[in-house]
């Protein structure tokens, strides 16, 4: 190849590389600016929306100090309740989806309180990490004032596991249950490569608070979880006490642990 041809090829390669780098840089900026949209995939509902479930519930709106409101659903079992479970859900959808999971706990004799985070469902406001932590404390105090149960359990699922753990480290319940948790948000499988490059504004670091929880901790995770890898959850093991449990569901994914008998068997044993 002649020298002139080589120079032309090098110029072309340089232009292509410049275009690719420019697109990557622009994409990184967009992802940084809109990362909250990737993390908090809220699905809003009209205020007049009527929830539909196979069990009765009571609906509440919990006011916050900054003049927002959190939509909450309170499910009760048919028999006298053993206690109350405060449930913090995952990063997507709203209570119309998550309320369907309350029956797994009510059929074991527990009342279940679920909230939608800010901007989710009928809840007002915009979600951010500190607001979610503050709202969780608010909900705990609100529930304590409303219930006669001494036995109040905290349950967190996926993104909600970080919120639940932060709350548990603060209020010290007798039992903290986590389903498909991550050690920190940037290690969630769908986000880890992106946010190792782009600065992450939201940490949601479960590992920073789990070791401060004095009560019993029970973790459920599946081997086929493509959203939050089992490896991410296993990084929480060093923070566990001898009396805690890390329950692995073979073939379990991120959204289907309740399809497995082992999940219900272990759940019943923990909540007996």
C-alpha atoms as a PDB file:
ATOM      1  CA  UNK A   1       0.000   0.000   0.000  1.00  0.00           C
ATOM      2  CA  UNK A   2       1.306   3.407  -0.936  1.00  0.00           C
ATOM      3  CA  UNK A   3       2.069   5.942   1.768  1.00  0.00           C
ATOM      4  CA  UNK A   4      -0.749   8.230   0.568  1.00  0.00           C
ATOM      5  CA  UNK A   5      -3.216   5.341   0.797  1.00  0.00           C
ATOM      6  CA  UNK A   6      -1.974   4.476   4.290  1.00  0.00           C
ATOM      7  CA  UNK A   7      -2.485   8.082   5.395  1.00  0.00           C
ATOM      8  CA  UNK A   8      -6.023   8.068   3.986  1.00  0.00           C
ATOM      9  CA  UNK A   9      -6.860   4.856   5.836  1.00  0.00           C
ATOM     10  CA  UNK A  10      -5.449   6.246   9.087  1.00  0.00           C
ATOM     11  CA  UNK A  11      -7.492   9.438   8.695  1.00  0.00           C
ATOM     12  CA  UNK A  12     -10.627   7.402   8.074  1.00  0.00           C
ATOM     13  CA  UNK A  13      -9.971   5.215  11.129  1.00  0.00           C
ATOM     14  CA  UNK A  14      -9.373   8.346  13.180  1.00  0.00           C
ATOM     15  CA  UNK A  15     -12.660   9.879  12.052  1.00  0.00           C
ATOM     16  CA  UNK A  16     -14.581   6.702  12.833  1.00  0.00           C
ATOM     17  CA  UNK A  17     -12.940   6.445  16.260  1.00  0.00           C
ATOM     18  CA  UNK A  18     -13.781  10.091  16.926  1.00  0.00           C
ATOM     19  CA  UNK A  19     -17.426   9.534  16.014  1.00  0.00           C
ATOM     20  CA  UNK A  20     -17.652   6.423  18.218  1.00  0.00           C
ATOM     21  CA  UNK A  21     -16.039   8.213  21.172  1.00  0.00           C
ATOM     22  CA  UNK A  22     -18.367  11.177  20.713  1.00  0.00           C
ATOM     23  CA  UNK A  23     -21.421   8.909  20.732  1.00  0.00           C
ATOM     24  CA  UNK A  24     -20.172   7.062  23.832  1.00  0.00           C
ATOM     25  CA  UNK A  25     -19.452  10.344  25.598  1.00  0.00           C
ATOM     26  CA  UNK A  26     -22.876  11.719  24.702  1.00  0.00           C
ATOM     27  CA  UNK A  27     -24.512   8.465  25.831  1.00  0.00           C
ATOM     28  CA  UNK A  28     -22.650   8.608  29.126  1.00  0.00           C
ATOM     29  CA  UNK A  29     -23.870  12.159  29.730  1.00  0.00           C
ATOM     30  CA  UNK A  30     -27.466  11.169  28.962  1.00  0.00           C
ATOM     31  CA  UNK A  31     -27.235   8.151  31.278  1.00  0.00           C
ATOM     32  CA  UNK A  32     -25.766  10.273  34.061  1.00  0.00           C
ATOM     33  CA  UNK A  33     -28.441  12.949  33.768  1.00  0.00           C
ATOM     34  CA  UNK A  34     -31.326  10.489  33.490  1.00  0.00           C
ATOM     35  CA  UNK A  35     -29.995   7.717  35.728  1.00  0.00           C
ATOM     36  CA  UNK A  36     -32.840   8.189  38.201  1.00  0.00           C
ATOM     37  CA  UNK A  37     -35.239   7.187  35.417  1.00  0.00           C
ATOM     38  CA  UNK A  38     -33.264   3.976  34.944  1.00  0.00           C
ATOM     39  CA  UNK A  39     -33.208   3.197  38.657  1.00  0.00           C
ATOM     40  CA  UNK A  40     -36.682   4.303  39.747  1.00  0.00           C
ATOM     41  CA  UNK A  41     -39.046   2.917  37.112  1.00  0.00           C
ATOM     42  CA  UNK A  42     -42.193   4.339  38.633  1.00  0.00           C
ATOM     43  CA  UNK A  43     -45.592   3.521  37.184  1.00  0.00           C
ATOM     44  CA  UNK A  44     -48.069   6.159  38.288  1.00  0.00           C
ATOM     45  CA  UNK A  45     -51.790   5.698  38.906  1.00  0.00           C
ATOM     46  CA  UNK A  46     -54.733   8.048  38.881  1.00  0.00           C
ATOM     47  CA  UNK A  47     -55.813   9.087  42.372  1.00  0.00           C
ATOM     48  CA  UNK A  48     -59.234   7.530  41.741  1.00  0.00           C
ATOM     49  CA  UNK A  49     -57.772   4.175  40.707  1.00  0.00           C
ATOM     50  CA  UNK A  50     -59.411   1.251  42.518  1.00  0.00           C
ATOM     51  CA  UNK A  51     -57.062  -1.612  43.414  1.00  0.00           C
ATOM     52  CA  UNK A  52     -58.221  -5.159  42.761  1.00  0.00           C
ATOM     53  CA  UNK A  53     -56.938  -8.098  44.837  1.00  0.00           C
ATOM     54  CA  UNK A  54     -58.132 -11.529  45.944  1.00  0.00           C
ATOM     55  CA  UNK A  55     -58.098 -10.461  49.584  1.00  0.00           C
ATOM     56  CA  UNK A  56     -59.446  -7.452  51.484  1.00  0.00           C
ATOM     57  CA  UNK A  57     -57.308  -4.410  52.196  1.00  0.00           C
ATOM     58  CA  UNK A  58     -57.478  -0.932  53.634  1.00  0.00           C
ATOM     59  CA  UNK A  59     -56.005   2.027  51.772  1.00  0.00           C
ATOM     60  CA  UNK A  60     -54.227   4.953  53.422  1.00  0.00           C
ATOM     61  CA  UNK A  61     -52.364   8.111  52.479  1.00  0.00           C
ATOM     62  CA  UNK A  62     -49.469   8.903  54.810  1.00  0.00           C
ATOM     63  CA  UNK A  63     -48.463  12.594  54.837  1.00  0.00           C
ATOM     64  CA  UNK A  64     -44.777  13.506  54.844  1.00  0.00           C
ATOM     65  CA  UNK A  65     -43.130  16.546  56.479  1.00  0.00           C
ATOM     66  CA  UNK A  66     -42.470  18.097  53.047  1.00  0.00           C
ATOM     67  CA  UNK A  67     -46.158  18.013  52.069  1.00  0.00           C
ATOM     68  CA  UNK A  68     -46.092  14.880  49.948  1.00  0.00           C
ATOM     69  CA  UNK A  69     -48.192  11.767  50.519  1.00  0.00           C
ATOM     70  CA  UNK A  70     -47.381   8.077  50.411  1.00  0.00           C
ATOM     71  CA  UNK A  71     -50.037   5.643  49.262  1.00  0.00           C
ATOM     72  CA  UNK A  72     -50.243   2.553  51.492  1.00  0.00           C
ATOM     73  CA  UNK A  73     -52.213  -0.698  51.501  1.00  0.00           C
ATOM     74  CA  UNK A  74     -52.826  -2.696  54.669  1.00  0.00           C
ATOM     75  CA  UNK A  75     -53.729  -6.369  54.217  1.00  0.00           C
ATOM     76  CA  UNK A  76     -55.032  -8.498  57.076  1.00  0.00           C
ATOM     77  CA  UNK A  77     -55.345 -12.279  57.438  1.00  0.00           C
ATOM     78  CA  UNK A  78     -58.664 -13.994  58.063  1.00  0.00           C
ATOM     79  CA  UNK A  79     -57.469 -15.270  61.453  1.00  0.00           C
ATOM     80  CA  UNK A  80     -56.061 -13.272  64.390  1.00  0.00           C
ATOM     81  CA  UNK A  81     -52.710 -11.917  63.270  1.00  0.00           C
ATOM     82  CA  UNK A  82     -49.332 -12.942  64.697  1.00  0.00           C
ATOM     83  CA  UNK A  83     -47.748  -9.621  63.806  1.00  0.00           C
ATOM     84  CA  UNK A  84     -47.186  -7.044  61.094  1.00  0.00           C
ATOM     85  CA  UNK A  85     -44.848  -7.158  58.093  1.00  0.00           C
ATOM     86  CA  UNK A  86     -43.801  -3.825  56.559  1.00  0.00           C
ATOM     87  CA  UNK A  87     -42.939  -4.593  52.926  1.00  0.00           C
ATOM     88  CA  UNK A  88     -40.690  -2.461  50.705  1.00  0.00           C
ATOM     89  CA  UNK A  89     -41.028  -3.424  47.045  1.00  0.00           C
ATOM     90  CA  UNK A  90     -38.752  -3.362  43.999  1.00  0.00           C
ATOM     91  CA  UNK A  91     -37.840  -0.557  41.621  1.00  0.00           C
ATOM     92  CA  UNK A  92     -40.678  -0.872  39.093  1.00  0.00           C
ATOM     93  CA  UNK A  93     -44.481  -0.835  38.778  1.00  0.00           C
ATOM     94  CA  UNK A  94     -46.725   0.061  41.739  1.00  0.00           C
ATOM     95  CA  UNK A  95     -48.918  -1.451  44.444  1.00  0.00           C
ATOM     96  CA  UNK A  96     -51.335  -2.990  41.941  1.00  0.00           C
ATOM     97  CA  UNK A  97     -48.570  -5.473  41.143  1.00  0.00           C
ATOM     98  CA  UNK A  98     -46.889  -5.730  44.514  1.00  0.00           C
ATOM     99  CA  UNK A  99     -50.091  -6.098  46.495  1.00  0.00           C
ATOM    100  CA  UNK A 100     -50.601  -9.514  44.901  1.00  0.00           C
ATOM    101  CA  UNK A 101     -47.632 -10.811  46.901  1.00  0.00           C
ATOM    102  CA  UNK A 102     -49.131  -9.927  50.281  1.00  0.00           C
ATOM    103  CA  UNK A 103     -51.075 -13.185  50.331  1.00  0.00           C
ATOM    104  CA  UNK A 104     -47.830 -15.134  50.806  1.00  0.00           C
ATOM    105  CA  UNK A 105     -47.599 -13.478  54.224  1.00  0.00           C
ATOM    106  CA  UNK A 106     -51.256 -13.084  55.187  1.00  0.00           C
ATOM    107  CA  UNK A 107     -51.854 -16.804  54.662  1.00  0.00           C
ATOM    108  CA  UNK A 108     -49.172 -17.372  57.309  1.00  0.00           C
ATOM    109  CA  UNK A 109     -51.117 -15.221  59.738  1.00  0.00           C
ATOM    110  CA  UNK A 110     -49.479 -11.806  59.333  1.00  0.00           C
ATOM    111  CA  UNK A 111     -50.814  -8.388  58.500  1.00  0.00           C
ATOM    112  CA  UNK A 112     -48.927  -6.719  55.656  1.00  0.00           C
ATOM    113  CA  UNK A 113     -48.331  -3.008  55.125  1.00  0.00           C
ATOM    114  CA  UNK A 114     -47.057  -2.007  51.682  1.00  0.00           C
ATOM    115  CA  UNK A 115     -46.252   1.483  50.444  1.00  0.00           C
ATOM    116  CA  UNK A 116     -45.566   2.967  47.055  1.00  0.00           C
ATOM    117  CA  UNK A 117     -42.435   5.109  47.000  1.00  0.00           C
ATOM    118  CA  UNK A 118     -42.575   8.747  45.988  1.00  0.00           C
ATOM    119  CA  UNK A 119     -43.701   9.071  42.388  1.00  0.00           C
ATOM    120  CA  UNK A 120     -45.011   5.486  42.285  1.00  0.00           C
ATOM    121  CA  UNK A 121     -48.704   4.673  41.965  1.00  0.00           C
ATOM    122  CA  UNK A 122     -50.726   7.271  43.852  1.00  0.00           C
ATOM    123  CA  UNK A 123     -47.790   8.544  45.898  1.00  0.00           C
ATOM    124  CA  UNK A 124     -46.698  12.094  45.142  1.00  0.00           C
ATOM    125  CA  UNK A 125     -43.199  13.528  44.886  1.00  0.00           C
ATOM    126  CA  UNK A 126     -39.992  12.379  43.228  1.00  0.00           C
ATOM    127  CA  UNK A 127     -37.923   9.430  44.478  1.00  0.00           C
ATOM    128  CA  UNK A 128     -34.343   9.819  45.655  1.00  0.00           C
ATOM    129  CA  UNK A 129     -32.233   7.779  48.031  1.00  0.00           C
ATOM    130  CA  UNK A 130     -32.414   9.962  51.132  1.00  0.00           C
ATOM    131  CA  UNK A 131     -36.132  10.596  50.687  1.00  0.00           C
ATOM    132  CA  UNK A 132     -36.767   6.841  50.521  1.00  0.00           C
ATOM    133  CA  UNK A 133     -34.819   6.311  53.747  1.00  0.00           C
ATOM    134  CA  UNK A 134     -36.672   9.135  55.478  1.00  0.00           C
ATOM    135  CA  UNK A 135     -40.033   7.902  54.227  1.00  0.00           C
ATOM    136  CA  UNK A 136     -39.290   4.378  55.486  1.00  0.00           C
ATOM    137  CA  UNK A 137     -38.689   5.743  58.988  1.00  0.00           C
ATOM    138  CA  UNK A 138     -41.896   7.760  58.725  1.00  0.00           C
ATOM    139  CA  UNK A 139     -43.863   4.654  57.717  1.00  0.00           C
ATOM    140  CA  UNK A 140     -42.367   2.644  60.581  1.00  0.00           C
ATOM    141  CA  UNK A 141     -43.385   5.273  63.133  1.00  0.00           C
ATOM    142  CA  UNK A 142     -46.827   5.643  61.547  1.00  0.00           C
ATOM    143  CA  UNK A 143     -47.372   1.872  61.673  1.00  0.00           C
ATOM    144  CA  UNK A 144     -46.128   1.619  65.263  1.00  0.00           C
ATOM    145  CA  UNK A 145     -48.669   4.212  66.309  1.00  0.00           C
ATOM    146  CA  UNK A 146     -51.475   2.460  64.421  1.00  0.00           C
ATOM    147  CA  UNK A 147     -50.945  -1.184  65.343  1.00  0.00           C
ATOM    148  CA  UNK A 148     -51.132  -3.048  68.620  1.00  0.00           C
ATOM    149  CA  UNK A 149     -48.626  -5.652  67.449  1.00  0.00           C
ATOM    150  CA  UNK A 150     -45.277  -5.783  69.207  1.00  0.00           C
ATOM    151  CA  UNK A 151     -43.960  -8.101  66.498  1.00  0.00           C
ATOM    152  CA  UNK A 152     -43.192  -5.890  63.501  1.00  0.00           C
ATOM    153  CA  UNK A 153     -41.081  -7.463  60.754  1.00  0.00           C
ATOM    154  CA  UNK A 154     -39.319  -5.598  57.953  1.00  0.00           C
ATOM    155  CA  UNK A 155     -39.291  -7.182  54.484  1.00  0.00           C
ATOM    156  CA  UNK A 156     -37.371  -5.773  51.526  1.00  0.00           C
ATOM    157  CA  UNK A 157     -37.362  -6.991  47.938  1.00  0.00           C
ATOM    158  CA  UNK A 158     -34.660  -6.095  45.373  1.00  0.00           C
ATOM    159  CA  UNK A 159     -34.253  -2.293  45.524  1.00  0.00           C
ATOM    160  CA  UNK A 160     -36.472  -2.357  48.605  1.00  0.00           C
ATOM    161  CA  UNK A 161     -33.917  -4.551  50.374  1.00  0.00           C
ATOM    162  CA  UNK A 162     -31.545  -1.591  50.677  1.00  0.00           C
ATOM    163  CA  UNK A 163     -34.318   0.592  52.095  1.00  0.00           C
ATOM    164  CA  UNK A 164     -35.422  -2.162  54.466  1.00  0.00           C
ATOM    165  CA  UNK A 165     -31.878  -2.748  55.700  1.00  0.00           C
ATOM    166  CA  UNK A 166     -31.236   0.949  56.296  1.00  0.00           C
ATOM    167  CA  UNK A 167     -34.468   1.112  58.321  1.00  0.00           C
ATOM    168  CA  UNK A 168     -33.667  -2.069  60.257  1.00  0.00           C
ATOM    169  CA  UNK A 169     -30.259  -0.708  61.255  1.00  0.00           C
ATOM    170  CA  UNK A 170     -32.077   2.313  62.675  1.00  0.00           C
ATOM    171  CA  UNK A 171     -35.098   0.769  64.424  1.00  0.00           C
ATOM    172  CA  UNK A 172     -33.734  -2.734  65.166  1.00  0.00           C
ATOM    173  CA  UNK A 173     -36.678  -5.093  64.513  1.00  0.00           C
ATOM    174  CA  UNK A 174     -36.556  -8.689  65.691  1.00  0.00           C
ATOM    175  CA  UNK A 175     -36.542  -9.913  62.083  1.00  0.00           C
ATOM    176  CA  UNK A 176     -35.349  -8.515  58.743  1.00  0.00           C
ATOM    177  CA  UNK A 177     -36.192 -10.467  55.595  1.00  0.00           C
ATOM    178  CA  UNK A 178     -34.581  -9.711  52.241  1.00  0.00           C
ATOM    179  CA  UNK A 179     -35.580 -11.137  48.866  1.00  0.00           C
ATOM    180  CA  UNK A 180     -33.132 -10.915  45.939  1.00  0.00           C
ATOM    181  CA  UNK A 181     -30.978  -8.198  47.558  1.00  0.00           C
ATOM    182  CA  UNK A 182     -27.807  -6.656  46.118  1.00  0.00           C
ATOM    183  CA  UNK A 183     -24.746  -5.615  48.105  1.00  0.00           C
ATOM    184  CA  UNK A 184     -24.868  -2.168  46.461  1.00  0.00           C
ATOM    185  CA  UNK A 185     -26.779  -0.803  43.502  1.00  0.00           C
ATOM    186  CA  UNK A 186     -23.837  -0.585  41.122  1.00  0.00           C
ATOM    187  CA  UNK A 187     -23.401  -4.365  41.378  1.00  0.00           C
ATOM    188  CA  UNK A 188     -26.939  -5.129  40.249  1.00  0.00           C
ATOM    189  CA  UNK A 189     -26.362  -7.136  37.068  1.00  0.00           C
ATOM    190  CA  UNK A 190     -28.227  -4.868  34.657  1.00  0.00           C
ATOM    191  CA  UNK A 191     -26.414  -1.760  35.846  1.00  0.00           C
ATOM    192  CA  UNK A 192     -22.964  -2.773  37.019  1.00  0.00           C
ATOM    193  CA  UNK A 193     -21.059  -2.230  33.748  1.00  0.00           C
ATOM    194  CA  UNK A 194     -22.793   1.068  33.051  1.00  0.00           C
ATOM    195  CA  UNK A 195     -22.306   2.530  36.514  1.00  0.00           C
ATOM    196  CA  UNK A 196     -18.708   1.440  36.918  1.00  0.00           C
ATOM    197  CA  UNK A 197     -18.037   3.954  34.144  1.00  0.00           C
ATOM    198  CA  UNK A 198     -20.661   6.613  34.923  1.00  0.00           C
ATOM    199  CA  UNK A 199     -20.693   8.246  38.372  1.00  0.00           C
ATOM    200  CA  UNK A 200     -23.630   6.855  40.333  1.00  0.00           C
ATOM    201  CA  UNK A 201     -25.620   9.358  42.373  1.00  0.00           C
ATOM    202  CA  UNK A 202     -27.608   6.658  44.173  1.00  0.00           C
ATOM    203  CA  UNK A 203     -25.626   4.157  46.271  1.00  0.00           C
ATOM    204  CA  UNK A 204     -28.299   2.045  47.980  1.00  0.00           C
ATOM    205  CA  UNK A 205     -25.498   0.114  49.646  1.00  0.00           C
ATOM    206  CA  UNK A 206     -27.135  -2.696  51.613  1.00  0.00           C
ATOM    207  CA  UNK A 207     -23.695  -3.846  52.758  1.00  0.00           C
ATOM    208  CA  UNK A 208     -23.112  -0.608  54.679  1.00  0.00           C
ATOM    209  CA  UNK A 209     -26.058  -1.229  57.017  1.00  0.00           C
ATOM    210  CA  UNK A 210     -26.589  -4.995  57.205  1.00  0.00           C
ATOM    211  CA  UNK A 211     -23.851  -5.528  59.773  1.00  0.00           C
ATOM    212  CA  UNK A 212     -25.552  -3.030  62.094  1.00  0.00           C
ATOM    213  CA  UNK A 213     -28.774  -5.047  62.283  1.00  0.00           C
ATOM    214  CA  UNK A 214     -28.913  -6.868  65.633  1.00  0.00           C
ATOM    215  CA  UNK A 215     -32.023  -8.968  65.026  1.00  0.00           C
ATOM    216  CA  UNK A 216     -32.297 -12.085  62.888  1.00  0.00           C
ATOM    217  CA  UNK A 217     -31.689 -11.681  59.156  1.00  0.00           C
ATOM    218  CA  UNK A 218     -33.061 -14.037  56.503  1.00  0.00           C
ATOM    219  CA  UNK A 219     -32.056 -13.694  52.848  1.00  0.00           C
ATOM    220  CA  UNK A 220     -33.737 -15.414  49.874  1.00  0.00           C
ATOM    221  CA  UNK A 221     -32.001 -15.539  46.500  1.00  0.00           C
ATOM    222  CA  UNK A 222     -32.153 -17.656  43.355  1.00  0.00           C
ATOM    223  CA  UNK A 223     -29.357 -19.169  41.299  1.00  0.00           C
ATOM    224  CA  UNK A 224     -30.806 -17.898  37.979  1.00  0.00           C
ATOM    225  CA  UNK A 225     -31.343 -14.250  38.888  1.00  0.00           C
ATOM    226  CA  UNK A 226     -30.321 -12.204  35.839  1.00  0.00           C
ATOM    227  CA  UNK A 227     -31.273  -8.850  37.386  1.00  0.00           C
ATOM    228  CA  UNK A 228     -29.336  -9.166  40.656  1.00  0.00           C
ATOM    229  CA  UNK A 229     -26.779 -11.933  40.490  1.00  0.00           C
ATOM    230  CA  UNK A 230     -26.380 -14.421  43.304  1.00  0.00           C
ATOM    231  CA  UNK A 231     -22.755 -13.260  43.511  1.00  0.00           C
ATOM    232  CA  UNK A 232     -23.895  -9.761  44.441  1.00  0.00           C
ATOM    233  CA  UNK A 233     -26.088 -11.118  47.244  1.00  0.00           C
ATOM    234  CA  UNK A 234     -23.345 -13.431  48.463  1.00  0.00           C
ATOM    235  CA  UNK A 235     -21.154 -10.401  49.150  1.00  0.00           C
ATOM    236  CA  UNK A 236     -23.527  -9.764  52.047  1.00  0.00           C
ATOM    237  CA  UNK A 237     -22.590 -13.037  53.778  1.00  0.00           C
ATOM    238  CA  UNK A 238     -19.666 -11.551  55.761  1.00  0.00           C
ATOM    239  CA  UNK A 239     -22.144  -9.193  57.463  1.00  0.00           C
ATOM    240  CA  UNK A 240     -24.366 -12.045  58.658  1.00  0.00           C
ATOM    241  CA  UNK A 241     -24.401 -13.499  62.169  1.00  0.00           C
ATOM    242  CA  UNK A 242     -24.333 -17.205  62.991  1.00  0.00           C
ATOM    243  CA  UNK A 243     -28.056 -17.179  63.689  1.00  0.00           C
ATOM    244  CA  UNK A 244     -28.922 -15.583  60.331  1.00  0.00           C
ATOM    245  CA  UNK A 245     -29.965 -17.544  57.238  1.00  0.00           C
ATOM    246  CA  UNK A 246     -28.975 -17.266  53.575  1.00  0.00           C
ATOM    247  CA  UNK A 247     -31.441 -19.375  51.606  1.00  0.00           C
ATOM    248  CA  UNK A 248     -30.624 -20.226  47.992  1.00  0.00           C
ATOM    249  CA  UNK A 249     -33.481 -21.299  45.697  1.00  0.00           C
ATOM    250  CA  UNK A 250     -32.091 -23.538  42.900  1.00  0.00           C
ATOM    251  CA  UNK A 251     -33.239 -22.306  39.471  1.00  0.00           C
ATOM    252  CA  UNK A 252     -34.958 -19.316  41.108  1.00  0.00           C
ATOM    253  CA  UNK A 253     -34.966 -16.023  39.200  1.00  0.00           C
ATOM    254  CA  UNK A 254     -35.526 -12.421  40.191  1.00  0.00           C
ATOM    255  CA  UNK A 255     -39.311 -12.357  39.893  1.00  0.00           C
ATOM    256  CA  UNK A 256     -40.405 -15.921  40.552  1.00  0.00           C
ATOM    257  CA  UNK A 257     -39.125 -17.166  43.915  1.00  0.00           C
ATOM    258  CA  UNK A 258     -42.722 -17.540  45.084  1.00  0.00           C
ATOM    259  CA  UNK A 259     -43.213 -20.169  42.372  1.00  0.00           C
ATOM    260  CA  UNK A 260     -40.913 -22.517  44.294  1.00  0.00           C
ATOM    261  CA  UNK A 261     -42.034 -24.747  47.159  1.00  0.00           C
ATOM    262  CA  UNK A 262     -38.736 -24.180  48.952  1.00  0.00           C
ATOM    263  CA  UNK A 263     -39.450 -20.453  49.265  1.00  0.00           C
ATOM    264  CA  UNK A 264     -42.829 -21.047  50.923  1.00  0.00           C
ATOM    265  CA  UNK A 265     -41.475 -23.821  53.138  1.00  0.00           C
ATOM    266  CA  UNK A 266     -38.649 -21.645  54.442  1.00  0.00           C
ATOM    267  CA  UNK A 267     -40.903 -18.599  54.737  1.00  0.00           C
ATOM    268  CA  UNK A 268     -43.375 -20.560  56.844  1.00  0.00           C
ATOM    269  CA  UNK A 269     -40.594 -21.925  59.039  1.00  0.00           C
ATOM    270  CA  UNK A 270     -39.186 -18.462  59.698  1.00  0.00           C
ATOM    271  CA  UNK A 271     -42.618 -16.962  60.451  1.00  0.00           C
ATOM    272  CA  UNK A 272     -44.101 -19.839  62.472  1.00  0.00           C
END
